[in-house]
Amino acid sequence: MRLLFLATAILFSASQTASALDNSAAVKVTPLLKTTTSWDAKPIVYPQGQAEVTALIVEIAAGQQTGWHEHPVPSFAYVLEGTLEVTRSTGATKLLHAGDTLAEVVSTLHSGRAMDGKSVKLLVLYTGAVDGKLTIAHPEFTPSASTPAPTAP
């Protein structure tokens, strides 16, 4: 009898609650990003080891840039404020505005800069592994003459 009561209670509660991902009067869900590739069309591959997710707010001051760097793990950004230009070492660029999302490039040199004379604020989620690096700086990198380098606005 007790088992029957428990099973009935579970079934009743499951039919009365909505999933946190379902739109309802109480919950609004707005999809931002669903992708299997980064913005350079490479497949997203998670690193080996104990998974660790890191969430950061990254702020780039007006007229400033991140410097050349790479991420050895997949990361995803949501632009909270400002306009961000991201440039790969090949010269390919992507312009992002507040409300835009980005599946960041992995193991690819790139630099980001704040545009329009305003700062940029990003929410960035890194899907790495415990004790793994999230970003590797490359201050030694200088774009070739044929590759346009990010410049101050």
C-alpha atoms as a PDB file:
ATOM      1  CA  MET A   1       0.000   0.000   0.000  1.00  0.00           C
ATOM      2  CA  ARG A   2       2.808   2.369   0.893  1.00  0.00           C
ATOM      3  CA  LEU A   3       4.514   1.705  -2.464  1.00  0.00           C
ATOM      4  CA  LEU A   4       1.261   2.388  -4.325  1.00  0.00           C
ATOM      5  CA  PHE A   5       0.840   5.701  -2.455  1.00  0.00           C
ATOM      6  CA  LEU A   6       4.445   6.730  -3.306  1.00  0.00           C
ATOM      7  CA  ALA A   7       4.040   5.851  -6.994  1.00  0.00           C
ATOM      8  CA  THR A   8       0.747   7.783  -7.174  1.00  0.00           C
ATOM      9  CA  ALA A   9       2.342  10.816  -5.500  1.00  0.00           C
ATOM     10  CA  ILE A  10       5.270  10.805  -7.945  1.00  0.00           C
ATOM     11  CA  LEU A  11       2.995  10.530 -10.982  1.00  0.00           C
ATOM     12  CA  PHE A  12       0.707  13.289  -9.703  1.00  0.00           C
ATOM     13  CA  SER A  13       3.586  15.668  -8.955  1.00  0.00           C
ATOM     14  CA  ALA A  14       5.188  15.001 -12.348  1.00  0.00           C
ATOM     15  CA  SER A  15       1.981  15.887 -14.144  1.00  0.00           C
ATOM     16  CA  GLN A  16       1.508  19.103 -12.125  1.00  0.00           C
ATOM     17  CA  THR A  17       4.929  20.726 -12.619  1.00  0.00           C
ATOM     18  CA  ALA A  18       6.444  22.219 -15.730  1.00  0.00           C
ATOM     19  CA  SER A  19      10.034  21.738 -16.683  1.00  0.00           C
ATOM     20  CA  ALA A  20      12.291  24.732 -16.000  1.00  0.00           C
ATOM     21  CA  LEU A  21      12.877  24.887 -19.765  1.00  0.00           C
ATOM     22  CA  ASP A  22       9.191  25.086 -20.692  1.00  0.00           C
ATOM     23  CA  ASN A  23       7.518  28.464 -21.192  1.00  0.00           C
ATOM     24  CA  SER A  24       4.628  28.980 -18.819  1.00  0.00           C
ATOM     25  CA  ALA A  25       2.890  31.787 -16.977  1.00  0.00           C
ATOM     26  CA  ALA A  26       5.568  31.507 -14.277  1.00  0.00           C
ATOM     27  CA  VAL A  27       8.657  30.838 -16.397  1.00  0.00           C
ATOM     28  CA  LYS A  28       9.775  32.581 -19.601  1.00  0.00           C
ATOM     29  CA  VAL A  29      12.515  30.860 -21.586  1.00  0.00           C
ATOM     30  CA  THR A  30      14.460  32.775 -24.253  1.00  0.00           C
ATOM     31  CA  PRO A  31      16.878  30.650 -26.272  1.00  0.00           C
ATOM     32  CA  LEU A  32      20.200  32.444 -26.785  1.00  0.00           C
ATOM     33  CA  LEU A  33      22.511  29.907 -28.404  1.00  0.00           C
ATOM     34  CA  LYS A  34      22.406  26.313 -29.570  1.00  0.00           C
ATOM     35  CA  THR A  35      25.351  25.232 -31.662  1.00  0.00           C
ATOM     36  CA  THR A  36      27.772  22.390 -32.295  1.00  0.00           C
ATOM     37  CA  THR A  37      30.479  24.704 -33.673  1.00  0.00           C
ATOM     38  CA  SER A  38      32.447  27.769 -32.620  1.00  0.00           C
ATOM     39  CA  TRP A  39      32.155  30.971 -34.673  1.00  0.00           C
ATOM     40  CA  ASP A  40      34.919  29.775 -36.996  1.00  0.00           C
ATOM     41  CA  ALA A  41      32.836  26.649 -37.833  1.00  0.00           C
ATOM     42  CA  LYS A  42      35.065  24.188 -35.953  1.00  0.00           C
ATOM     43  CA  PRO A  43      33.284  21.445 -33.956  1.00  0.00           C
ATOM     44  CA  ILE A  44      33.023  21.992 -30.204  1.00  0.00           C
ATOM     45  CA  VAL A  45      34.955  19.294 -28.328  1.00  0.00           C
ATOM     46  CA  TYR A  46      35.086  19.131 -24.537  1.00  0.00           C
ATOM     47  CA  PRO A  47      38.428  18.520 -22.805  1.00  0.00           C
ATOM     48  CA  GLN A  48      39.404  15.304 -21.067  1.00  0.00           C
ATOM     49  CA  GLY A  49      39.462  15.109 -17.277  1.00  0.00           C
ATOM     50  CA  GLN A  50      37.143  16.116 -14.444  1.00  0.00           C
ATOM     51  CA  ALA A  51      34.727  18.671 -15.906  1.00  0.00           C
ATOM     52  CA  GLU A  52      34.734  22.162 -14.437  1.00  0.00           C
ATOM     53  CA  VAL A  53      32.549  25.075 -15.545  1.00  0.00           C
ATOM     54  CA  THR A  54      33.776  28.599 -14.829  1.00  0.00           C
ATOM     55  CA  ALA A  55      31.501  31.641 -15.186  1.00  0.00           C
ATOM     56  CA  LEU A  56      33.108  35.089 -15.345  1.00  0.00           C
ATOM     57  CA  ILE A  57      32.097  38.672 -15.989  1.00  0.00           C
ATOM     58  CA  VAL A  58      34.767  40.087 -18.310  1.00  0.00           C
ATOM     59  CA  GLU A  59      34.976  43.849 -18.795  1.00  0.00           C
ATOM     60  CA  ILE A  60      37.004  45.559 -21.522  1.00  0.00           C
ATOM     61  CA  ALA A  61      37.506  49.287 -20.965  1.00  0.00           C
ATOM     62  CA  ALA A  62      36.499  51.772 -23.660  1.00  0.00           C
ATOM     63  CA  GLY A  63      39.044  51.820 -26.476  1.00  0.00           C
ATOM     64  CA  GLN A  64      40.964  48.851 -25.061  1.00  0.00           C
ATOM     65  CA  GLN A  65      41.572  45.313 -26.275  1.00  0.00           C
ATOM     66  CA  THR A  66      42.250  41.923 -24.752  1.00  0.00           C
ATOM     67  CA  GLY A  67      45.525  41.296 -26.550  1.00  0.00           C
ATOM     68  CA  TRP A  68      46.190  38.180 -28.608  1.00  0.00           C
ATOM     69  CA  HIS A  69      45.260  34.991 -26.800  1.00  0.00           C
ATOM     70  CA  GLU A  70      43.670  31.575 -27.242  1.00  0.00           C
ATOM     71  CA  HIS A  71      41.343  29.346 -25.242  1.00  0.00           C
ATOM     72  CA  PRO A  72      42.271  25.656 -25.007  1.00  0.00           C
ATOM     73  CA  VAL A  73      38.692  24.839 -23.926  1.00  0.00           C
ATOM     74  CA  PRO A  74      35.244  25.716 -25.295  1.00  0.00           C
ATOM     75  CA  SER A  75      33.823  28.969 -23.993  1.00  0.00           C
ATOM     76  CA  PHE A  76      30.637  30.870 -24.630  1.00  0.00           C
ATOM     77  CA  ALA A  77      29.985  34.584 -24.233  1.00  0.00           C
ATOM     78  CA  TYR A  78      26.893  36.757 -23.836  1.00  0.00           C
ATOM     79  CA  VAL A  79      27.387  40.473 -24.447  1.00  0.00           C
ATOM     80  CA  LEU A  80      25.775  42.334 -21.560  1.00  0.00           C
ATOM     81  CA  GLU A  81      26.874  45.845 -22.588  1.00  0.00           C
ATOM     82  CA  GLY A  82      28.694  47.544 -25.452  1.00  0.00           C
ATOM     83  CA  THR A  83      29.977  46.458 -28.844  1.00  0.00           C
ATOM     84  CA  LEU A  84      32.782  43.915 -29.180  1.00  0.00           C
ATOM     85  CA  GLU A  85      34.900  43.244 -32.232  1.00  0.00           C
ATOM     86  CA  VAL A  86      36.662  39.872 -32.194  1.00  0.00           C
ATOM     87  CA  THR A  87      39.491  39.346 -34.700  1.00  0.00           C
ATOM     88  CA  ARG A  88      41.209  36.055 -35.507  1.00  0.00           C
ATOM     89  CA  SER A  89      44.893  35.989 -36.483  1.00  0.00           C
ATOM     90  CA  THR A  90      43.730  35.366 -40.068  1.00  0.00           C
ATOM     91  CA  GLY A  91      42.036  38.782 -40.115  1.00  0.00           C
ATOM     92  CA  ALA A  92      38.487  37.367 -39.939  1.00  0.00           C
ATOM     93  CA  THR A  93      36.325  39.478 -37.636  1.00  0.00           C
ATOM     94  CA  LYS A  94      32.998  39.246 -35.880  1.00  0.00           C
ATOM     95  CA  LEU A  95      31.087  42.205 -34.446  1.00  0.00           C
ATOM     96  CA  LEU A  96      28.867  41.615 -31.412  1.00  0.00           C
ATOM     97  CA  HIS A  97      26.385  43.939 -29.702  1.00  0.00           C
ATOM     98  CA  ALA A  98      24.576  43.810 -26.354  1.00  0.00           C
ATOM     99  CA  GLY A  99      22.324  40.742 -26.345  1.00  0.00           C
ATOM    100  CA  ASP A 100      24.468  38.762 -28.816  1.00  0.00           C
ATOM    101  CA  THR A 101      26.025  35.387 -28.018  1.00  0.00           C
ATOM    102  CA  LEU A 102      29.238  33.802 -29.211  1.00  0.00           C
ATOM    103  CA  ALA A 103      30.630  30.279 -29.209  1.00  0.00           C
ATOM    104  CA  GLU A 104      34.276  31.274 -28.866  1.00  0.00           C
ATOM    105  CA  VAL A 105      37.057  29.850 -31.034  1.00  0.00           C
ATOM    106  CA  VAL A 106      39.202  27.107 -29.460  1.00  0.00           C
ATOM    107  CA  SER A 107      42.989  26.878 -29.851  1.00  0.00           C
ATOM    108  CA  THR A 108      42.872  29.802 -32.278  1.00  0.00           C
ATOM    109  CA  LEU A 109      44.668  33.112 -31.784  1.00  0.00           C
ATOM    110  CA  HIS A 110      42.291  36.048 -31.506  1.00  0.00           C
ATOM    111  CA  SER A 111      41.860  39.441 -29.878  1.00  0.00           C
ATOM    112  CA  GLY A 112      38.793  41.354 -28.750  1.00  0.00           C
ATOM    113  CA  ARG A 113      38.317  45.104 -28.505  1.00  0.00           C
ATOM    114  CA  ALA A 114      35.697  47.492 -27.212  1.00  0.00           C
ATOM    115  CA  MET A 115      34.182  49.567 -30.005  1.00  0.00           C
ATOM    116  CA  ASP A 116      32.346  52.878 -30.306  1.00  0.00           C
ATOM    117  CA  GLY A 117      34.262  54.516 -27.455  1.00  0.00           C
ATOM    118  CA  LYS A 118      32.360  52.488 -24.832  1.00  0.00           C
ATOM    119  CA  SER A 119      33.330  49.647 -22.514  1.00  0.00           C
ATOM    120  CA  VAL A 120      32.168  46.071 -23.085  1.00  0.00           C
ATOM    121  CA  LYS A 121      30.817  43.735 -20.421  1.00  0.00           C
ATOM    122  CA  LEU A 122      30.578  39.999 -21.135  1.00  0.00           C
ATOM    123  CA  LEU A 123      29.258  36.981 -19.274  1.00  0.00           C
ATOM    124  CA  VAL A 124      31.643  34.177 -20.261  1.00  0.00           C
ATOM    125  CA  LEU A 125      31.179  30.465 -19.494  1.00  0.00           C
ATOM    126  CA  TYR A 126      34.211  28.204 -19.863  1.00  0.00           C
ATOM    127  CA  THR A 127      33.734  24.426 -20.091  1.00  0.00           C
ATOM    128  CA  GLY A 128      37.135  23.221 -19.011  1.00  0.00           C
ATOM    129  CA  ALA A 129      38.654  20.650 -16.697  1.00  0.00           C
ATOM    130  CA  VAL A 130      39.877  20.929 -13.112  1.00  0.00           C
ATOM    131  CA  ASP A 131      43.382  22.498 -13.007  1.00  0.00           C
ATOM    132  CA  GLY A 132      43.218  23.326 -16.724  1.00  0.00           C
ATOM    133  CA  LYS A 133      43.927  26.728 -18.243  1.00  0.00           C
ATOM    134  CA  LEU A 134      41.063  28.790 -19.615  1.00  0.00           C
ATOM    135  CA  THR A 135      43.125  31.340 -21.549  1.00  0.00           C
ATOM    136  CA  ILE A 136      46.696  31.452 -22.834  1.00  0.00           C
ATOM    137  CA  ALA A 137      48.104  34.906 -23.614  1.00  0.00           C
ATOM    138  CA  HIS A 138      50.257  35.400 -26.719  1.00  0.00           C
ATOM    139  CA  PRO A 139      51.873  38.830 -26.311  1.00  0.00           C
ATOM    140  CA  GLU A 140      54.629  37.727 -28.692  1.00  0.00           C
ATOM    141  CA  PHE A 141      52.183  37.431 -31.617  1.00  0.00           C
ATOM    142  CA  THR A 142      52.303  40.173 -34.218  1.00  0.00           C
ATOM    143  CA  PRO A 143      49.876  40.002 -37.133  1.00  0.00           C
ATOM    144  CA  SER A 144      51.536  39.903 -40.556  1.00  0.00           C
ATOM    145  CA  ALA A 145      51.325  42.929 -42.828  1.00  0.00           C
ATOM    146  CA  SER A 146      48.532  41.201 -44.784  1.00  0.00           C
ATOM    147  CA  THR A 147      46.492  40.579 -41.624  1.00  0.00           C
ATOM    148  CA  PRO A 148      44.687  43.613 -40.247  1.00  0.00           C
ATOM    149  CA  ALA A 149      45.430  44.044 -36.562  1.00  0.00           C
ATOM    150  CA  PRO A 150      42.843  45.358 -34.128  1.00  0.00           C
ATOM    151  CA  THR A 151      43.417  49.068 -33.607  1.00  0.00           C
ATOM    152  CA  ALA A 152      42.014  51.487 -31.113  1.00  0.00           C
ATOM    153  CA  PRO A 153      38.773  53.120 -32.286  1.00  0.00           C
END
